[in-house]
Amino acid sequence: MTLPPILSIRNLVKLFPAGRSGIFSKQDRFVHALDGVSFDLERGGVLALAGESGCGKSTLALTLMAWNAPPPARSSSTARRSPICKAPG
């Protein structure tokens, strides 16, 4: 019997506001810090994040801990309460 993952993330997106595109523009600009991140963490499994400086490793960790709350309309995640991960809310 396969147990469900303790953490399942699908299409996680994190945008940071970057101001307006011009002086008279009404359109906001955003930096796409995370775009479409998906993974499963199985019970007893290990997740390693590796990448260049500025690639989003810390942003992913902070967003998962809800310190950088993702925009709810563009992200989806599920997490079961466990000793290593608590779902926001």
Protein backbone atom coordinates (compact mmCIF):
# COMPACT_ATOMS: atom_id res chain seq x y z
CA MET A 1 0.00 0.00 0.00
CA THR A 2 1.43 3.37 -1.02
CA LEU A 3 1.00 6.17 1.47
CA PRO A 4 0.15 9.65 0.21
CA PRO A 5 2.99 12.19 0.27
CA ILE A 6 3.30 14.31 3.42
CA LEU A 7 3.76 17.38 1.21
CA SER A 8 2.48 17.80 -2.34
CA ILE A 9 3.06 21.09 -4.18
CA ARG A 10 1.60 21.78 -7.63
CA ASN A 11 2.24 24.79 -9.86
CA LEU A 12 3.46 27.08 -7.07
CA VAL A 13 3.93 30.68 -8.25
CA LYS A 14 5.44 33.58 -6.31
CA LEU A 15 5.49 37.08 -7.77
CA PHE A 16 7.13 40.15 -6.25
CA PRO A 17 5.86 43.60 -7.24
CA ALA A 18 8.44 45.55 -9.28
CA GLY A 19 6.63 48.87 -9.66
CA ARG A 20 4.97 50.29 -12.73
CA SER A 21 6.25 49.88 -16.28
CA GLY A 22 6.24 53.66 -16.90
CA ILE A 23 5.46 57.00 -15.29
CA PHE A 24 1.92 57.16 -16.66
CA SER A 25 1.32 53.43 -16.85
CA LYS A 26 -1.41 51.81 -14.78
CA GLN A 27 -0.01 48.34 -15.33
CA ASP A 28 2.04 46.84 -12.50
CA ARG A 29 5.19 44.83 -13.20
CA PHE A 30 6.17 41.71 -11.30
CA VAL A 31 9.31 39.64 -10.86
CA HIS A 32 8.55 35.93 -11.28
CA ALA A 33 10.52 34.46 -8.38
CA LEU A 34 8.86 31.02 -8.63
CA ASP A 35 6.90 29.84 -11.62
CA GLY A 36 5.25 26.43 -11.78
CA VAL A 37 7.15 24.62 -9.02
CA SER A 38 5.79 21.12 -8.37
CA PHE A 39 7.05 18.25 -6.22
CA ASP A 40 6.01 15.55 -3.74
CA LEU A 41 7.75 14.74 -0.47
CA GLU A 42 7.21 11.15 0.61
CA ARG A 43 7.20 10.05 4.24
CA GLY A 44 10.82 9.39 5.22
CA GLY A 45 12.03 11.08 2.05
CA VAL A 46 14.56 13.85 1.61
CA LEU A 47 14.17 16.95 -0.55
CA ALA A 48 17.33 18.75 -1.63
CA LEU A 49 17.30 22.16 -3.30
CA ALA A 50 20.37 22.99 -5.34
CA GLY A 51 20.95 25.85 -7.73
CA GLU A 52 22.77 29.03 -8.49
CA SER A 53 22.63 32.13 -6.33
CA GLY A 54 19.34 33.95 -6.86
CA CYS A 55 17.49 31.01 -8.43
CA GLY A 56 14.71 30.91 -5.80
CA LYS A 57 15.79 28.32 -3.24
CA SER A 58 15.19 30.59 -0.24
CA THR A 59 12.02 32.03 -1.77
CA LEU A 60 10.64 28.50 -2.14
CA ALA A 61 11.44 27.66 1.49
CA LEU A 62 9.94 30.92 2.79
CA THR A 63 6.82 30.51 0.65
CA LEU A 64 6.31 26.94 1.90
CA MET A 65 6.54 28.20 5.49
CA ALA A 66 3.95 30.87 4.58
CA TRP A 67 6.40 33.70 5.36
CA ASN A 68 6.05 34.69 1.69
CA ALA A 69 2.38 33.93 1.10
CA PRO A 70 1.77 33.01 -2.56
CA PRO A 71 -1.11 34.62 -4.48
CA PRO A 72 -4.01 32.20 -3.83
CA ALA A 73 -5.44 32.38 -7.35
CA ARG A 74 -2.20 31.18 -8.98
CA SER A 75 -0.93 28.56 -6.56
CA SER A 76 -2.04 25.25 -5.24
CA SER A 77 -0.57 23.19 -2.45
CA THR A 78 -1.71 20.56 -0.02
CA ALA A 79 0.05 19.55 3.16
CA ARG A 80 -0.94 17.21 5.95
CA ARG A 81 -0.04 18.21 9.47
CA SER A 82 3.12 16.42 10.52
CA PRO A 83 6.10 17.09 12.78
CA ILE A 84 8.11 18.63 9.90
CA CYS A 85 5.42 20.52 8.02
CA LYS A 86 2.30 22.36 9.07
CA ALA A 87 -0.17 23.58 6.48
CA PRO A 88 -1.11 27.25 6.80
CA GLY A 89 -4.56 27.83 8.25
